[in-house]
Structure formats: C-alpha cells, structure tokens
C-alpha atoms as a PDB file:
ATOM      1  CA  MET A   1      82.630 -52.872 122.518  1.00  0.00           C
ATOM      2  CA  LEU A   2      80.661 -53.735 119.387  1.00  0.00           C
ATOM      3  CA  SER A   3      80.836 -51.284 116.514  1.00  0.00           C
ATOM      4  CA  TYR A   4      79.622 -51.343 112.905  1.00  0.00           C
ATOM      5  CA  TRP A   5      82.123 -50.614 110.157  1.00  0.00           C
ATOM      6  CA  MET A   6      81.501 -50.243 106.453  1.00  0.00           C
ATOM      7  CA  GLN A   7      83.598 -50.550 103.335  1.00  0.00           C
ATOM      8  CA  MET A   8      82.360 -48.704 100.275  1.00  0.00           C
ATOM      9  CA  SER A   9      83.562 -49.372  96.743  1.00  0.00           C
ATOM     10  CA  ASP A  10      82.538 -47.649  93.534  1.00  0.00           C
ATOM     11  CA  THR A  11      79.654 -50.096  93.132  1.00  0.00           C
ATOM     12  CA  ASP A  12      78.730 -51.615  96.508  1.00  0.00           C
ATOM     13  CA  THR A  13      78.940 -51.478 100.309  1.00  0.00           C
ATOM     14  CA  ALA A  14      79.888 -54.111 102.879  1.00  0.00           C
ATOM     15  CA  LEU A  15      79.023 -54.049 106.599  1.00  0.00           C
ATOM     16  CA  GLU A  16      81.055 -55.642 109.372  1.00  0.00           C
ATOM     17  CA  LEU A  17      80.339 -55.813 113.117  1.00  0.00           C
ATOM     18  CA  ARG A  18      83.633 -55.539 115.006  1.00  0.00           C
ATOM     19  CA  ASP A  19      84.698 -55.845 118.618  1.00  0.00           C
ATOM     20  CA  VAL A  20      86.949 -52.828 119.228  1.00  0.00           C
ATOM     21  CA  PRO A  21      88.271 -50.972 122.282  1.00  0.00           C
ATOM     22  CA  VAL A  22      86.108 -48.337 123.934  1.00  0.00           C
ATOM     23  CA  PRO A  23      87.489 -44.934 122.830  1.00  0.00           C
ATOM     24  CA  ALA A  24      88.801 -42.356 125.285  1.00  0.00           C
ATOM     25  CA  ALA A  25      87.299 -38.885 125.365  1.00  0.00           C
ATOM     26  CA  GLY A  26      89.537 -36.140 124.035  1.00  0.00           C
ATOM     27  CA  PRO A  27      89.880 -32.814 125.866  1.00  0.00           C
ATOM     28  CA  GLN A  28      86.684 -31.341 124.360  1.00  0.00           C
ATOM     29  CA  GLN A  29      84.728 -34.550 123.918  1.00  0.00           C
ATOM     30  CA  LEU A  30      82.173 -36.678 125.735  1.00  0.00           C
ATOM     31  CA  LEU A  31      82.234 -40.456 125.855  1.00  0.00           C
ATOM     32  CA  VAL A  32      78.632 -41.550 125.459  1.00  0.00           C
ATOM     33  CA  ARG A  33      77.082 -44.932 126.099  1.00  0.00           C
ATOM     34  CA  MET A  34      74.845 -45.075 123.059  1.00  0.00           C
ATOM     35  CA  HIS A  35      71.244 -46.160 123.527  1.00  0.00           C
ATOM     36  CA  ALA A  36      69.996 -45.346 120.024  1.00  0.00           C
ATOM     37  CA  ALA A  37      71.342 -44.164 116.680  1.00  0.00           C
ATOM     38  CA  ALA A  38      69.523 -43.113 113.509  1.00  0.00           C
ATOM     39  CA  LEU A  39      70.198 -43.986 109.891  1.00  0.00           C
ATOM     40  CA  ASN A  40      70.876 -41.312 107.278  1.00  0.00           C
ATOM     41  CA  ARG A  41      70.635 -42.201 103.636  1.00  0.00           C
ATOM     42  CA  GLY A  42      73.555 -40.057 102.518  1.00  0.00           C
ATOM     43  CA  GLU A  43      76.033 -42.181 104.439  1.00  0.00           C
ATOM     44  CA  PHE A  44      75.102 -45.248 102.415  1.00  0.00           C
ATOM     45  CA  LEU A  45      74.783 -43.652  98.964  1.00  0.00           C
ATOM     46  CA  LEU A  46      77.508 -44.452  96.477  1.00  0.00           C
ATOM     47  CA  GLY A  47      79.144 -41.339  95.108  1.00  0.00           C
ATOM     48  CA  HIS A  48      78.135 -39.005  97.937  1.00  0.00           C
ATOM     49  CA  GLY A  49      81.694 -39.028  99.229  1.00  0.00           C
ATOM     50  CA  LEU A  50      80.602 -39.030 102.864  1.00  0.00           C
ATOM     51  CA  HIS A  51      82.277 -42.320 103.624  1.00  0.00           C
ATOM     52  CA  GLY A  52      85.781 -41.498 102.449  1.00  0.00           C
ATOM     53  CA  THR A  53      88.058 -43.125  99.912  1.00  0.00           C
ATOM     54  CA  PRO A  54      86.507 -46.175  98.187  1.00  0.00           C
ATOM     55  CA  GLY A  55      87.929 -49.435  99.496  1.00  0.00           C
ATOM     56  CA  THR A  56      88.614 -48.218 103.045  1.00  0.00           C
ATOM     57  CA  TRP A  57      86.795 -49.337 106.200  1.00  0.00           C
ATOM     58  CA  LYS A  58      85.215 -46.772 108.485  1.00  0.00           C
ATOM     59  CA  ALA A  59      83.135 -46.811 111.667  1.00  0.00           C
ATOM     60  CA  ILE A  60      79.682 -45.585 110.655  1.00  0.00           C
ATOM     61  CA  GLY A  61      76.654 -43.780 112.057  1.00  0.00           C
ATOM     62  CA  GLY A  62      76.246 -40.015 112.259  1.00  0.00           C
ATOM     63  CA  GLU A  63      73.790 -39.177 115.062  1.00  0.00           C
ATOM     64  CA  GLY A  64      72.480 -40.718 118.221  1.00  0.00           C
ATOM     65  CA  ALA A  65      71.522 -40.426 121.861  1.00  0.00           C
ATOM     66  CA  GLY A  66      72.649 -41.932 125.131  1.00  0.00           C
ATOM     67  CA  GLU A  67      74.239 -41.328 128.512  1.00  0.00           C
ATOM     68  CA  VAL A  68      77.487 -39.528 129.245  1.00  0.00           C
ATOM     69  CA  VAL A  69      80.026 -41.818 130.934  1.00  0.00           C
ATOM     70  CA  ALA A  70      83.167 -39.643 130.745  1.00  0.00           C
ATOM     71  CA  VAL A  71      83.919 -35.972 130.135  1.00  0.00           C
ATOM     72  CA  GLY A  72      87.075 -34.559 128.546  1.00  0.00           C
ATOM     73  CA  ALA A  73      89.291 -32.296 130.636  1.00  0.00           C
ATOM     74  CA  GLU A  74      88.303 -29.143 128.724  1.00  0.00           C
ATOM     75  CA  ALA A  75      84.656 -30.022 128.049  1.00  0.00           C
ATOM     76  CA  THR A  76      82.060 -27.993 129.901  1.00  0.00           C
ATOM     77  CA  GLY A  77      78.309 -28.113 130.416  1.00  0.00           C
ATOM     78  CA  PHE A  78      77.974 -31.874 130.898  1.00  0.00           C
ATOM     79  CA  ARG A  79      78.754 -34.500 133.511  1.00  0.00           C
ATOM     80  CA  PRO A  80      78.551 -38.299 133.739  1.00  0.00           C
ATOM     81  CA  GLY A  81      74.955 -39.513 133.855  1.00  0.00           C
ATOM     82  CA  ASP A  82      73.555 -36.722 131.663  1.00  0.00           C
ATOM     83  CA  ARG A  83      71.231 -37.775 128.850  1.00  0.00           C
ATOM     84  CA  VAL A  84      72.522 -36.286 125.611  1.00  0.00           C
ATOM     85  CA  MET A  85      71.962 -36.388 121.877  1.00  0.00           C
ATOM     86  CA  GLY A  86      74.126 -35.134 119.082  1.00  0.00           C
ATOM     87  CA  ARG A  87      75.899 -35.631 115.825  1.00  0.00           C
ATOM     88  CA  CYS A  88      78.822 -37.990 116.275  1.00  0.00           C
ATOM     89  CA  ALA A  89      81.066 -40.195 114.165  1.00  0.00           C
ATOM     90  CA  GLY A  90      80.724 -43.941 114.680  1.00  0.00           C
ATOM     91  CA  ALA A  91      77.255 -43.718 116.244  1.00  0.00           C
ATOM     92  CA  PHE A  92      76.422 -47.349 115.376  1.00  0.00           C
ATOM     93  CA  SER A  93      78.495 -48.487 118.337  1.00  0.00           C
ATOM     94  CA  GLU A  94      77.966 -49.320 121.984  1.00  0.00           C
ATOM     95  CA  TYR A  95      80.069 -46.267 122.902  1.00  0.00           C
ATOM     96  CA  ALA A  96      80.863 -43.199 120.792  1.00  0.00           C
ATOM     97  CA  LEU A  97      82.538 -39.826 121.132  1.00  0.00           C
ATOM     98  CA  MET A  98      80.596 -36.570 120.822  1.00  0.00           C
ATOM     99  CA  GLU A  99      82.122 -33.145 120.587  1.00  0.00           C
ATOM    100  CA  ALA A 100      80.857 -31.304 123.659  1.00  0.00           C
ATOM    101  CA  ALA A 101      80.112 -28.303 121.434  1.00  0.00           C
ATOM    102  CA  GLU A 102      77.689 -30.408 119.370  1.00  0.00           C
ATOM    103  CA  ALA A 103      76.061 -32.332 122.226  1.00  0.00           C
ATOM    104  CA  MET A 104      72.591 -31.313 123.399  1.00  0.00           C
ATOM    105  CA  ALA A 105      70.717 -32.177 126.561  1.00  0.00           C
ATOM    106  CA  MET A 106      67.715 -34.441 125.966  1.00  0.00           C
ATOM    107  CA  PRO A 107      64.395 -32.926 127.064  1.00  0.00           C
ATOM    108  CA  ASP A 108      62.404 -34.815 129.679  1.00  0.00           C
ATOM    109  CA  GLY A 109      59.770 -37.033 128.133  1.00  0.00           C
ATOM    110  CA  LEU A 110      61.778 -37.684 124.985  1.00  0.00           C
ATOM    111  CA  SER A 111      62.935 -41.266 124.476  1.00  0.00           C
ATOM    112  CA  CYS A 112      66.447 -42.067 123.278  1.00  0.00           C
ATOM    113  CA  GLU A 113      64.933 -43.478 120.095  1.00  0.00           C
ATOM    114  CA  GLN A 114      63.148 -40.189 119.398  1.00  0.00           C
ATOM    115  CA  ALA A 115      66.191 -38.132 120.358  1.00  0.00           C
ATOM    116  CA  ALA A 116      68.451 -40.133 118.053  1.00  0.00           C
ATOM    117  CA  GLY A 117      66.492 -38.882 115.053  1.00  0.00           C
ATOM    118  CA  ILE A 118      66.924 -35.190 115.862  1.00  0.00           C
ATOM    119  CA  PRO A 119      70.552 -33.979 115.802  1.00  0.00           C
ATOM    120  CA  LEU A 120      71.701 -34.387 112.226  1.00  0.00           C
ATOM    121  CA  THR A 121      68.336 -34.292 110.473  1.00  0.00           C
ATOM    122  CA  PHE A 122      66.841 -31.302 112.259  1.00  0.00           C
ATOM    123  CA  LEU A 123      70.106 -29.341 112.249  1.00  0.00           C
ATOM    124  CA  VAL A 124      70.218 -29.837 108.463  1.00  0.00           C
ATOM    125  CA  ALA A 125      66.590 -28.685 108.218  1.00  0.00           C
ATOM    126  CA  TYR A 126      67.420 -25.672 110.420  1.00  0.00           C
ATOM    127  CA  ASP A 127      70.358 -24.795 108.163  1.00  0.00           C
ATOM    128  CA  MET A 128      68.121 -24.961 105.067  1.00  0.00           C
ATOM    129  CA  LEU A 129      65.037 -23.237 106.418  1.00  0.00           C
ATOM    130  CA  VAL A 130      66.478 -20.668 108.826  1.00  0.00           C
ATOM    131  CA  LEU A 131      70.195 -20.000 108.461  1.00  0.00           C
ATOM    132  CA  GLN A 132      70.339 -20.013 104.669  1.00  0.00           C
ATOM    133  CA  GLY A 133      66.702 -20.255 103.594  1.00  0.00           C
ATOM    134  CA  ARG A 134      65.413 -17.274 105.651  1.00  0.00           C
ATOM    135  CA  LEU A 135      61.927 -18.797 105.741  1.00  0.00           C
ATOM    136  CA  LYS A 136      59.248 -16.390 106.959  1.00  0.00           C
ATOM    137  CA  PRO A 137      55.738 -17.016 108.322  1.00  0.00           C
ATOM    138  CA  GLY A 138      53.204 -17.305 105.534  1.00  0.00           C
ATOM    139  CA  GLU A 139      55.751 -18.215 102.852  1.00  0.00           C
ATOM    140  CA  TRP A 140      55.391 -21.273 100.640  1.00  0.00           C
ATOM    141  CA  LEU A 141      57.831 -24.136 101.274  1.00  0.00           C
ATOM    142  CA  LEU A 142      58.120 -26.930  98.690  1.00  0.00           C
ATOM    143  CA  ILE A 143      59.818 -30.181  99.725  1.00  0.00           C
ATOM    144  CA  ASN A 144      60.837 -32.706  97.061  1.00  0.00           C
ATOM    145  CA  GLY A 145      60.773 -36.165  98.653  1.00  0.00           C
ATOM    146  CA  VAL A 146      58.854 -35.016 101.704  1.00  0.00           C
ATOM    147  CA  SER A 147      58.638 -38.517 103.232  1.00  0.00           C
ATOM    148  CA  SER A 148      62.404 -38.810 103.778  1.00  0.00           C
ATOM    149  CA  GLY A 149      63.975 -38.133 107.163  1.00  0.00           C
ATOM    150  CA  VAL A 150      65.135 -34.650 106.161  1.00  0.00           C
ATOM    151  CA  GLY A 151      61.875 -34.083 104.291  1.00  0.00           C
ATOM    152  CA  VAL A 152      59.694 -34.822 107.317  1.00  0.00           C
ATOM    153  CA  ALA A 153      61.925 -32.738 109.592  1.00  0.00           C
ATOM    154  CA  SER A 154      61.678 -29.835 107.123  1.00  0.00           C
ATOM    155  CA  LEU A 155      57.893 -30.205 107.067  1.00  0.00           C
ATOM    156  CA  GLN A 156      57.668 -30.140 110.863  1.00  0.00           C
ATOM    157  CA  LEU A 157      60.080 -27.242 111.284  1.00  0.00           C
ATOM    158  CA  GLY A 158      58.461 -25.336 108.432  1.00  0.00           C
ATOM    159  CA  LYS A 159      55.043 -25.586 110.071  1.00  0.00           C
ATOM    160  CA  ALA A 160      56.493 -24.512 113.424  1.00  0.00           C
ATOM    161  CA  LEU A 161      57.882 -21.433 111.635  1.00  0.00           C
ATOM    162  CA  GLY A 162      54.473 -20.616 110.179  1.00  0.00           C
ATOM    163  CA  ALA A 163      55.083 -21.638 106.566  1.00  0.00           C
ATOM    164  CA  ARG A 164      52.634 -23.251 104.168  1.00  0.00           C
ATOM    165  CA  VAL A 165      54.089 -26.559 102.983  1.00  0.00           C
ATOM    166  CA  ILE A 166      53.809 -28.448  99.705  1.00  0.00           C
ATOM    167  CA  GLY A 167      55.345 -31.914  99.491  1.00  0.00           C
ATOM    168  CA  THR A 168      56.042 -34.337  96.653  1.00  0.00           C
ATOM    169  CA  SER A 169      56.300 -38.110  97.015  1.00  0.00           C
ATOM    170  CA  GLY A 170      55.894 -41.186  94.855  1.00  0.00           C
ATOM    171  CA  SER A 171      53.705 -42.747  97.561  1.00  0.00           C
ATOM    172  CA  ALA A 172      50.124 -41.589  98.057  1.00  0.00           C
ATOM    173  CA  ALA A 173      49.987 -43.506 101.344  1.00  0.00           C
ATOM    174  CA  LYS A 174      53.008 -41.630 102.719  1.00  0.00           C
ATOM    175  CA  LEU A 175      51.526 -38.297 101.710  1.00  0.00           C
ATOM    176  CA  ALA A 176      48.292 -39.185 103.494  1.00  0.00           C
ATOM    177  CA  ALA A 177      50.250 -40.142 106.607  1.00  0.00           C
ATOM    178  CA  LEU A 178      51.909 -36.721 106.644  1.00  0.00           C
ATOM    179  CA  GLU A 179      48.658 -34.750 106.593  1.00  0.00           C
ATOM    180  CA  PRO A 180      48.380 -34.821 110.425  1.00  0.00           C
ATOM    181  CA  LEU A 181      51.810 -33.132 110.573  1.00  0.00           C
ATOM    182  CA  GLY A 182      50.388 -30.178 108.663  1.00  0.00           C
ATOM    183  CA  LEU A 183      51.190 -30.914 105.016  1.00  0.00           C
ATOM    184  CA  ASP A 184      49.062 -28.337 103.195  1.00  0.00           C
ATOM    185  CA  VAL A 185      49.385 -29.596  99.616  1.00  0.00           C
ATOM    186  CA  ALA A 186      50.310 -33.195  98.710  1.00  0.00           C
ATOM    187  CA  LEU A 187      51.591 -33.885  95.188  1.00  0.00           C
ATOM    188  CA  HIS A 188      51.769 -37.561  94.260  1.00  0.00           C
ATOM    189  CA  THR A 189      54.637 -37.715  91.784  1.00  0.00           C
ATOM    190  CA  ARG A 190      58.267 -38.764  91.343  1.00  0.00           C
ATOM    191  CA  LYS A 191      58.579 -36.941  88.023  1.00  0.00           C
ATOM    192  CA  PRO A 192      59.667 -33.370  87.253  1.00  0.00           C
ATOM    193  CA  ASP A 193      56.091 -32.381  86.444  1.00  0.00           C
ATOM    194  CA  PHE A 194      54.946 -30.568  89.576  1.00  0.00           C
ATOM    195  CA  ALA A 195      55.466 -26.904  88.624  1.00  0.00           C
ATOM    196  CA  PRO A 196      51.922 -26.373  87.257  1.00  0.00           C
ATOM    197  CA  ALA A 197      50.358 -27.822  90.423  1.00  0.00           C
ATOM    198  CA  VAL A 198      52.588 -25.697  92.656  1.00  0.00           C
ATOM    199  CA  MET A 199      51.766 -22.544  90.722  1.00  0.00           C
ATOM    200  CA  GLU A 200      48.053 -23.330  90.963  1.00  0.00           C
ATOM    201  CA  ALA A 201      48.227 -24.027  94.713  1.00  0.00           C
ATOM    202  CA  THR A 202      50.096 -20.769  95.352  1.00  0.00           C
ATOM    203  CA  ALA A 203      47.868 -18.603  93.115  1.00  0.00           C
ATOM    204  CA  ARG A 204      50.759 -18.157  90.630  1.00  0.00           C
ATOM    205  CA  HIS A 205      53.103 -16.930  93.376  1.00  0.00           C
ATOM    206  CA  GLY A 206      55.432 -19.957  93.329  1.00  0.00           C
ATOM    207  CA  ALA A 207      57.536 -21.486  96.066  1.00  0.00           C
ATOM    208  CA  ASP A 208      59.527 -19.094  98.253  1.00  0.00           C
ATOM    209  CA  LEU A 209      61.849 -21.855  99.436  1.00  0.00           C
ATOM    210  CA  ILE A 210      62.433 -25.305  97.973  1.00  0.00           C
ATOM    211  CA  VAL A 211      64.152 -28.224  99.710  1.00  0.00           C
ATOM    212  CA  ASN A 212      65.490 -30.621  97.091  1.00  0.00           C
ATOM    213  CA  THR A 213      66.268 -34.003  98.659  1.00  0.00           C
ATOM    214  CA  VAL A 214      65.943 -35.788  95.290  1.00  0.00           C
ATOM    215  CA  GLY A 215      68.672 -34.386  93.046  1.00  0.00           C
ATOM    216  CA  GLY A 216      69.346 -33.209  89.529  1.00  0.00           C
ATOM    217  CA  SER A 217      66.332 -34.855  87.926  1.00  0.00           C
ATOM    218  CA  VAL A 218      64.003 -32.248  89.498  1.00  0.00           C
ATOM    219  CA  PHE A 219      66.389 -29.273  89.547  1.00  0.00           C
ATOM    220  CA  ALA A 220      65.125 -27.551  86.383  1.00  0.00           C
ATOM    221  CA  GLU A 221      61.504 -28.071  87.433  1.00  0.00           C
ATOM    222  CA  ASN A 222      62.317 -26.486  90.785  1.00  0.00           C
ATOM    223  CA  MET A 223      63.772 -23.455  88.993  1.00  0.00           C
ATOM    224  CA  ARG A 224      60.498 -23.096  87.094  1.00  0.00           C
ATOM    225  CA  THR A 225      58.606 -23.250  90.396  1.00  0.00           C
ATOM    226  CA  LEU A 226      60.475 -20.585  92.359  1.00  0.00           C
ATOM    227  CA  ALA A 227      58.832 -17.292  93.277  1.00  0.00           C
ATOM    228  CA  PHE A 228      60.489 -13.895  92.943  1.00  0.00           C
ATOM    229  CA  GLU A 229      63.483 -13.888  95.307  1.00  0.00           C
ATOM    230  CA  GLY A 230      62.948 -17.619  95.839  1.00  0.00           C
ATOM    231  CA  ARG A 231      65.609 -19.852  97.366  1.00  0.00           C
ATOM    232  CA  LEU A 232      66.524 -23.395  96.317  1.00  0.00           C
ATOM    233  CA  ALA A 233      68.354 -25.692  98.752  1.00  0.00           C
ATOM    234  CA  THR A 234      70.022 -28.853  97.486  1.00  0.00           C
ATOM    235  CA  VAL A 235      70.615 -31.365 100.266  1.00  0.00           C
ATOM    236  CA  GLY A 236      70.982 -34.637  98.375  1.00  0.00           C
ATOM    237  CA  TYR A 237      70.816 -36.486  95.091  1.00  0.00           C
ATOM    238  CA  VAL A 238      69.307 -39.879  95.743  1.00  0.00           C
ATOM    239  CA  ASP A 239      68.424 -40.049  92.056  1.00  0.00           C
ATOM    240  CA  GLY A 240      72.150 -40.142  91.230  1.00  0.00           C
ATOM    241  CA  VAL A 241      71.793 -37.160  88.897  1.00  0.00           C
ATOM    242  CA  VAL A 242      74.495 -34.627  89.806  1.00  0.00           C
ATOM    243  CA  HIS A 243      74.328 -32.287  86.823  1.00  0.00           C
ATOM    244  CA  ALA A 244      71.400 -30.111  85.727  1.00  0.00           C
ATOM    245  CA  ASP A 245      70.649 -27.117  83.513  1.00  0.00           C
ATOM    246  CA  ILE A 246      70.322 -23.693  85.123  1.00  0.00           C
ATOM    247  CA  ASP A 247      68.000 -21.124  83.592  1.00  0.00           C
ATOM    248  CA  LEU A 248      70.233 -18.069  83.873  1.00  0.00           C
ATOM    249  CA  GLU A 249      67.494 -15.738  82.690  1.00  0.00           C
ATOM    250  CA  ALA A 250      65.223 -16.871  85.529  1.00  0.00           C
ATOM    251  CA  LEU A 251      68.098 -16.754  88.014  1.00  0.00           C
ATOM    252  CA  HIS A 252      68.856 -13.184  86.990  1.00  0.00           C
ATOM    253  CA  ALA A 253      65.378 -11.706  86.538  1.00  0.00           C
ATOM    254  CA  ARG A 254      63.764 -13.296  89.559  1.00  0.00           C
ATOM    255  CA  ARG A 255      66.766 -12.709  91.845  1.00  0.00           C
ATOM    256  CA  LEU A 256      66.947 -16.360  92.824  1.00  0.00           C
ATOM    257  CA  THR A 257      69.292 -17.917  95.380  1.00  0.00           C
ATOM    258  CA  LEU A 258      70.728 -21.424  94.935  1.00  0.00           C
ATOM    259  CA  PHE A 259      72.617 -23.059  97.808  1.00  0.00           C
ATOM    260  CA  GLY A 260      73.851 -26.405  99.023  1.00  0.00           C
ATOM    261  CA  VAL A 261      73.626 -27.965 102.474  1.00  0.00           C
ATOM    262  CA  SER A 262      76.378 -30.386 103.467  1.00  0.00           C
ATOM    263  CA  ASN A 263      78.729 -30.971 106.400  1.00  0.00           C
ATOM    264  CA  LYS A 264      81.287 -32.805 104.269  1.00  0.00           C
ATOM    265  CA  LEU A 265      83.871 -30.003 104.135  1.00  0.00           C
ATOM    266  CA  ARG A 266      82.984 -28.140 107.315  1.00  0.00           C
ATOM    267  CA  THR A 267      85.337 -27.888 110.276  1.00  0.00           C
ATOM    268  CA  LYS A 268      84.309 -28.910 113.798  1.00  0.00           C
ATOM    269  CA  LYS A 269      83.940 -25.233 114.669  1.00  0.00           C
ATOM    270  CA  GLN A 270      81.705 -24.601 111.665  1.00  0.00           C
ATOM    271  CA  ARG A 271      79.504 -27.631 112.419  1.00  0.00           C
ATOM    272  CA  ALA A 272      79.071 -26.554 116.030  1.00  0.00           C
ATOM    273  CA  ALA A 273      78.383 -22.880 115.299  1.00  0.00           C
ATOM    274  CA  ALA A 274      74.630 -23.293 114.791  1.00  0.00           C
ATOM    275  CA  VAL A 275      74.006 -25.541 117.804  1.00  0.00           C
ATOM    276  CA  PRO A 276      73.385 -22.773 120.398  1.00  0.00           C
ATOM    277  CA  ARG A 277      70.802 -21.082 118.139  1.00  0.00           C
ATOM    278  CA  PHE A 278      69.199 -24.428 117.374  1.00  0.00           C
ATOM    279  CA  VAL A 279      68.921 -25.189 121.095  1.00  0.00           C
ATOM    280  CA  ALA A 280      67.407 -21.757 121.754  1.00  0.00           C
ATOM    281  CA  GLU A 281      65.015 -21.647 118.780  1.00  0.00           C
ATOM    282  CA  VAL A 282      64.047 -25.235 117.966  1.00  0.00           C
ATOM    283  CA  MET A 283      64.475 -27.286 121.129  1.00  0.00           C
ATOM    284  CA  PRO A 284      61.610 -25.449 122.903  1.00  0.00           C
ATOM    285  CA  HIS A 285      59.258 -26.730 120.169  1.00  0.00           C
ATOM    286  CA  ILE A 286      60.554 -30.265 120.730  1.00  0.00           C
ATOM    287  CA  ALA A 287      60.437 -30.027 124.533  1.00  0.00           C
ATOM    288  CA  ALA A 288      56.839 -28.770 124.388  1.00  0.00           C
ATOM    289  CA  GLY A 289      55.783 -31.549 122.016  1.00  0.00           C
ATOM    290  CA  ARG A 290      54.979 -29.209 119.116  1.00  0.00           C
ATOM    291  CA  ILE A 291      57.608 -31.109 117.127  1.00  0.00           C
ATOM    292  CA  ARG A 292      58.017 -34.854 117.590  1.00  0.00           C
ATOM    293  CA  PRO A 293      60.501 -36.787 115.461  1.00  0.00           C
ATOM    294  CA  GLN A 294      58.707 -39.002 112.957  1.00  0.00           C
ATOM    295  CA  ILE A 295      60.061 -42.500 113.670  1.00  0.00           C
ATOM    296  CA  ASP A 296      59.415 -44.995 110.915  1.00  0.00           C
ATOM    297  CA  GLN A 297      60.694 -48.052 112.764  1.00  0.00           C
ATOM    298  CA  VAL A 298      62.958 -48.947 115.681  1.00  0.00           C
ATOM    299  CA  MET A 299      65.140 -51.996 115.080  1.00  0.00           C
ATOM    300  CA  ASP A 300      67.545 -53.881 117.309  1.00  0.00           C
ATOM    301  CA  PHE A 301      71.263 -53.212 116.898  1.00  0.00           C
ATOM    302  CA  ALA A 302      71.864 -56.552 115.169  1.00  0.00           C
ATOM    303  CA  ARG A 303      69.472 -55.594 112.347  1.00  0.00           C
ATOM    304  CA  LEU A 304      71.478 -52.768 110.774  1.00  0.00           C
ATOM    305  CA  ALA A 305      71.711 -54.578 107.425  1.00  0.00           C
ATOM    306  CA  GLU A 306      67.921 -54.948 107.376  1.00  0.00           C
ATOM    307  CA  ALA A 307      67.446 -51.312 108.363  1.00  0.00           C
ATOM    308  CA  LYS A 308      69.848 -50.220 105.617  1.00  0.00           C
ATOM    309  CA  ALA A 309      67.935 -52.280 103.054  1.00  0.00           C
ATOM    310  CA  ARG A 310      64.632 -50.718 104.149  1.00  0.00           C
ATOM    311  CA  MET A 311      66.092 -47.253 103.706  1.00  0.00           C
ATOM    312  CA  GLU A 312      67.602 -48.050 100.318  1.00  0.00           C
ATOM    313  CA  ALA A 313      64.263 -49.448  99.131  1.00  0.00           C
ATOM    314  CA  GLY A 314      62.569 -46.172 100.064  1.00  0.00           C
ATOM    315  CA  ALA A 315      60.065 -48.025 102.258  1.00  0.00           C
ATOM    316  CA  HIS A 316      60.453 -45.716 105.258  1.00  0.00           C
ATOM    317  CA  LEU A 317      58.496 -42.656 106.373  1.00  0.00           C
ATOM    318  CA  GLY A 318      60.707 -40.531 108.585  1.00  0.00           C
ATOM    319  CA  LYS A 319      63.627 -41.964 110.546  1.00  0.00           C
ATOM    320  CA  ILE A 320      64.807 -45.542 110.989  1.00  0.00           C
ATOM    321  CA  VAL A 321      66.480 -45.955 114.380  1.00  0.00           C
ATOM    322  CA  LEU A 322      68.685 -48.651 115.906  1.00  0.00           C
ATOM    323  CA  ARG A 323      68.174 -49.497 119.578  1.00  0.00           C
ATOM    324  CA  ILE A 324      71.546 -50.252 121.190  1.00  0.00           C
ATOM    325  CA  ALA A 325      72.032 -52.381 124.305  1.00  0.00           C
ATOM    326  CA  VAL A 326      75.573 -52.665 125.676  1.00  0.00           C
ATOM    327  CA  SER A 327      76.648 -56.307 125.639  1.00  0.00           C
ATOM    328  CA  SER A 328      78.858 -56.196 128.714  1.00  0.00           C
END
C-alpha cells in the first residue's frame, strides 16, 4: 500500500511516499481502507514535538474516514463494511489502523471527505469547550485564529451549545465567510490589540472562555480579556512564541482558569475516554446537519505536499482534506 512518511529536523520537514505492507489489526483495532484524511497544522509545525525525535521518519496523518476491512479479535461494535471515522496514526495511507475505542460510525448523508475533518478537530474543540471549558448557553466565547480548522470547529460547536462567539483573524474575507456559521463579532486583526473591542462587544463583561490557537504572542492580551471566572484554553502556538507573561493579580482576583489541550502525552485509554460522550452529545448535531464540517479544499492523495504548503501559508478556511483511492 502507499503511505506518506515525514522526516522532521530542527529547521525543516521532508515528505516521502512509500510502498509498505498493509498492517494487521491488533486485538482491539480496526483495519480501515482509508477514503479520506484531513490535515492538521500541529503535525507539521517545527517544535510542536508531535512528530517525534528530529531526524526520524514517521508515517503521518492523524484523522480520517473509510471502510472497515478487518476487525481485531477483541474489538467490538464494528464489522467489515462499516463506514467509520476516527483519530488514527498514519492516516495518510491507503490502509490505516484505528483503535476500536476511538472509531465512530459515520452518519448517513455525510461524505468521507466531510467525516475526515471531524474526529481530531471536533474532539479537541469538545475537550476545550465542554470537558475543560464548561461553556454554558449565553456565555461569550472568544476564538483567536477563528479561521483555522480547530477555530471553525470551536465556532460551530460553540453556537450549537448556545454561546455568543467572537473571532479574530488577519483576513477580513475569512471573517465574512464565517458569518453564515453564526460568528457574532468579527475582529480583523493578527495583533494583541483586541481586548478593548472584546470588552466593548460584551458590555465590559469580557470573554467567559477563550480558545487560543495562535500562541504566546496573544496570551497576555487574552488574560486582559477574560471575565470573572473566565477560562483560557491553549491549543497551539503557530506564532512560535512559547513563553508569555502571566498577570498573577488578575489570575488571583478574577479566579481565572488556564489550561492546555493536547493529546501528546495521553494514553490510549485517556484519548478514548471522551469518545462515548462526544458521540452522544455532538454527533446528533452532525447527523441532523446542524453542524457540518467546514471543508476548505479536497485534494487528491498525490497532492499532499501542495496541501501542506497551503496550510503552512495560512490560505485555508477550515479543513484541507486528502481524497484517497486505493491503487490496487
């Protein structure tokens, strides 16, 4: 089978398309014929540590959708022929292994390309907004970098949960394109200068929950923007800034909560723990069409390098997806 591998150094990345054996499903795994897989910026960012030790090669891709072709001896709930989506290692391949505990049935009417953009991105958004962020109806949600894959998913999930959403982006056109998804307040900026506008929009209340997809360059401004008992989620640092000042007086007086969202150090059991709640609470919105993954572009499997370049240039709005056709 064909499979994309990547080598990451301290300064660059290299892609290689390899012909490797089809893997065998372990006891609690599914072997899935992949039909689509989505790109996630964190996997390609130098310094994020998601790829492993610099200089090593690794099969890449973190989420996708396809058809079950084999089921491990101890795996339950699925059988060959089922359409599934899920987080999985090596998703940019003709076949990949999914942990049965992380696999989800694809709703009818959802294409593989749409489904491929759900598992990792929306589970991350669910972690930020629900499990840790405790977002309530009527609260104000601020999303730095709202046009990213995680940003758009957070916008859609936030609206489904009844929140009022403010988004920042360096592109006025992207902000305008997100208005039909329910973006309440659009702030056209890449700079840490948005606190006054947020305070004005919220009648001096501030943001109850902030999703920071940008990084350290906006951290202090986010602290200034938080409401009493506000929560700040850090999910990435595409700006490359990994250190920031913390206003301890604000943290203390306003009873703020700061938390990170990453799967880097989580065990398989920890990653899978939220899936049943996600299926029960979020998948009905997706099945009913109230949430539809925002697909920026679908590209053929051979165009991964081009898709990666589009993501790195920040030209996308939502998810970039690879369409995978098995060669033999």
